[in-house]
C-alpha atoms as a PDB file:
ATOM      1  CA  UNK A   1    -182.512 -24.878 239.120  1.00  0.00           C
ATOM      2  CA  UNK A   2    -181.086 -27.440 241.498  1.00  0.00           C
ATOM      3  CA  UNK A   3    -177.440 -27.758 242.267  1.00  0.00           C
ATOM      4  CA  UNK A   4    -177.342 -31.128 240.407  1.00  0.00           C
ATOM      5  CA  UNK A   5    -178.853 -29.488 237.371  1.00  0.00           C
ATOM      6  CA  UNK A   6    -176.251 -26.722 237.441  1.00  0.00           C
ATOM      7  CA  UNK A   7    -173.445 -29.267 237.722  1.00  0.00           C
ATOM      8  CA  UNK A   8    -174.750 -31.282 234.821  1.00  0.00           C
ATOM      9  CA  UNK A   9    -175.175 -28.181 232.731  1.00  0.00           C
ATOM     10  CA  UNK A  10    -171.643 -27.020 233.511  1.00  0.00           C
ATOM     11  CA  UNK A  11    -170.085 -30.384 232.666  1.00  0.00           C
ATOM     12  CA  UNK A  12    -172.103 -30.583 229.425  1.00  0.00           C
ATOM     13  CA  UNK A  13    -171.028 -27.094 228.451  1.00  0.00           C
ATOM     14  CA  UNK A  14    -167.335 -27.749 229.024  1.00  0.00           C
ATOM     15  CA  UNK A  15    -167.520 -31.082 227.187  1.00  0.00           C
ATOM     16  CA  UNK A  16    -169.272 -29.466 224.180  1.00  0.00           C
ATOM     17  CA  UNK A  17    -166.525 -26.813 223.928  1.00  0.00           C
ATOM     18  CA  UNK A  18    -163.581 -29.249 224.216  1.00  0.00           C
ATOM     19  CA  UNK A  19    -164.916 -32.288 222.331  1.00  0.00           C
ATOM     20  CA  UNK A  20    -164.099 -31.083 218.761  1.00  0.00           C
ATOM     21  CA  UNK A  21    -160.436 -30.767 219.696  1.00  0.00           C
ATOM     22  CA  UNK A  22    -159.976 -34.050 221.482  1.00  0.00           C
ATOM     23  CA  UNK A  23    -159.137 -37.498 220.178  1.00  0.00           C
ATOM     24  CA  UNK A  24    -160.878 -40.482 221.776  1.00  0.00           C
ATOM     25  CA  UNK A  25    -158.277 -41.069 224.534  1.00  0.00           C
ATOM     26  CA  UNK A  26    -158.151 -37.378 225.451  1.00  0.00           C
ATOM     27  CA  UNK A  27    -161.928 -37.321 225.564  1.00  0.00           C
ATOM     28  CA  UNK A  28    -162.033 -40.197 228.014  1.00  0.00           C
ATOM     29  CA  UNK A  29    -159.378 -38.516 230.187  1.00  0.00           C
ATOM     30  CA  UNK A  30    -161.351 -35.251 230.276  1.00  0.00           C
ATOM     31  CA  UNK A  31    -164.561 -37.120 231.222  1.00  0.00           C
ATOM     32  CA  UNK A  32    -162.716 -39.111 233.914  1.00  0.00           C
ATOM     33  CA  UNK A  33    -161.189 -35.937 235.328  1.00  0.00           C
ATOM     34  CA  UNK A  34    -164.622 -34.315 235.522  1.00  0.00           C
ATOM     35  CA  UNK A  35    -166.002 -37.440 237.261  1.00  0.00           C
ATOM     36  CA  UNK A  36    -163.126 -37.523 239.735  1.00  0.00           C
ATOM     37  CA  UNK A  37    -163.660 -33.848 240.556  1.00  0.00           C
ATOM     38  CA  UNK A  38    -167.291 -34.555 241.371  1.00  0.00           C
ATOM     39  CA  UNK A  39    -166.432 -37.389 243.674  1.00  0.00           C
ATOM     40  CA  UNK A  40    -169.063 -39.970 244.619  1.00  0.00           C
ATOM     41  CA  UNK A  41    -171.427 -40.707 241.710  1.00  0.00           C
ATOM     42  CA  UNK A  42    -169.304 -38.475 239.449  1.00  0.00           C
ATOM     43  CA  UNK A  43    -169.209 -41.137 236.672  1.00  0.00           C
ATOM     44  CA  UNK A  44    -173.015 -41.262 236.605  1.00  0.00           C
ATOM     45  CA  UNK A  45    -173.388 -37.464 236.596  1.00  0.00           C
ATOM     46  CA  UNK A  46    -170.825 -36.999 233.795  1.00  0.00           C
ATOM     47  CA  UNK A  47    -172.347 -39.816 231.698  1.00  0.00           C
ATOM     48  CA  UNK A  48    -175.839 -38.307 231.987  1.00  0.00           C
ATOM     49  CA  UNK A  49    -174.612 -34.789 231.294  1.00  0.00           C
ATOM     50  CA  UNK A  50    -172.648 -35.732 228.149  1.00  0.00           C
ATOM     51  CA  UNK A  51    -174.576 -38.711 226.780  1.00  0.00           C
ATOM     52  CA  UNK A  52    -171.517 -40.909 227.010  1.00  0.00           C
ATOM     53  CA  UNK A  53    -171.788 -44.475 228.435  1.00  0.00           C
ATOM     54  CA  UNK A  54    -170.702 -44.719 232.083  1.00  0.00           C
ATOM     55  CA  UNK A  55    -168.177 -47.457 231.180  1.00  0.00           C
ATOM     56  CA  UNK A  56    -166.449 -45.022 228.814  1.00  0.00           C
ATOM     57  CA  UNK A  57    -166.138 -42.470 231.574  1.00  0.00           C
ATOM     58  CA  UNK A  58    -164.782 -45.067 233.985  1.00  0.00           C
ATOM     59  CA  UNK A  59    -162.387 -46.429 231.392  1.00  0.00           C
ATOM     60  CA  UNK A  60    -160.808 -42.997 230.989  1.00  0.00           C
ATOM     61  CA  UNK A  61    -159.705 -42.970 234.617  1.00  0.00           C
ATOM     62  CA  UNK A  62    -158.621 -46.545 234.862  1.00  0.00           C
ATOM     63  CA  UNK A  63    -154.975 -46.644 235.928  1.00  0.00           C
ATOM     64  CA  UNK A  64    -154.268 -42.982 235.299  1.00  0.00           C
ATOM     65  CA  UNK A  65    -152.596 -42.558 238.660  1.00  0.00           C
ATOM     66  CA  UNK A  66    -149.963 -45.076 237.677  1.00  0.00           C
ATOM     67  CA  UNK A  67    -149.528 -44.117 234.049  1.00  0.00           C
ATOM     68  CA  UNK A  68    -148.827 -40.409 234.454  1.00  0.00           C
ATOM     69  CA  UNK A  69    -145.161 -39.702 233.850  1.00  0.00           C
ATOM     70  CA  UNK A  70    -142.958 -36.710 234.188  1.00  0.00           C
ATOM     71  CA  UNK A  71    -141.047 -35.770 231.039  1.00  0.00           C
ATOM     72  CA  UNK A  72    -137.616 -37.317 230.988  1.00  0.00           C
ATOM     73  CA  UNK A  73    -138.571 -40.093 233.375  1.00  0.00           C
ATOM     74  CA  UNK A  74    -137.714 -43.581 232.197  1.00  0.00           C
ATOM     75  CA  UNK A  75    -135.730 -44.912 229.294  1.00  0.00           C
ATOM     76  CA  UNK A  76    -135.417 -42.860 226.162  1.00  0.00           C
ATOM     77  CA  UNK A  77    -135.249 -44.150 222.593  1.00  0.00           C
ATOM     78  CA  UNK A  78    -131.660 -45.350 223.152  1.00  0.00           C
ATOM     79  CA  UNK A  79    -132.309 -46.900 226.570  1.00  0.00           C
ATOM     80  CA  UNK A  80    -130.828 -45.951 229.901  1.00  0.00           C
ATOM     81  CA  UNK A  81    -127.640 -43.861 229.814  1.00  0.00           C
ATOM     82  CA  UNK A  82    -127.407 -42.746 233.480  1.00  0.00           C
ATOM     83  CA  UNK A  83    -125.983 -39.465 232.294  1.00  0.00           C
ATOM     84  CA  UNK A  84    -122.701 -40.965 231.037  1.00  0.00           C
ATOM     85  CA  UNK A  85    -121.783 -39.750 227.588  1.00  0.00           C
ATOM     86  CA  UNK A  86    -120.732 -42.402 225.103  1.00  0.00           C
ATOM     87  CA  UNK A  87    -122.615 -45.383 226.458  1.00  0.00           C
END
């Protein structure tokens, strides 16, 4: 079996295991992460391995670098407090 075949099989196997537990957004993120890990032509490889449209794979990674946040970063439900009690 070729290296490409092994990669596709591996991606398909992981996707089949995870898919029942993922909502649509999480699914797209997992697919995009797989594609990013594969590098050049990763979207095509992941799409062929999973049967998902390439646009769906690409959409999962769109803007993820800028949307990832660390817990506690940004305004909370009450807005910015800057650590001062009673504001």
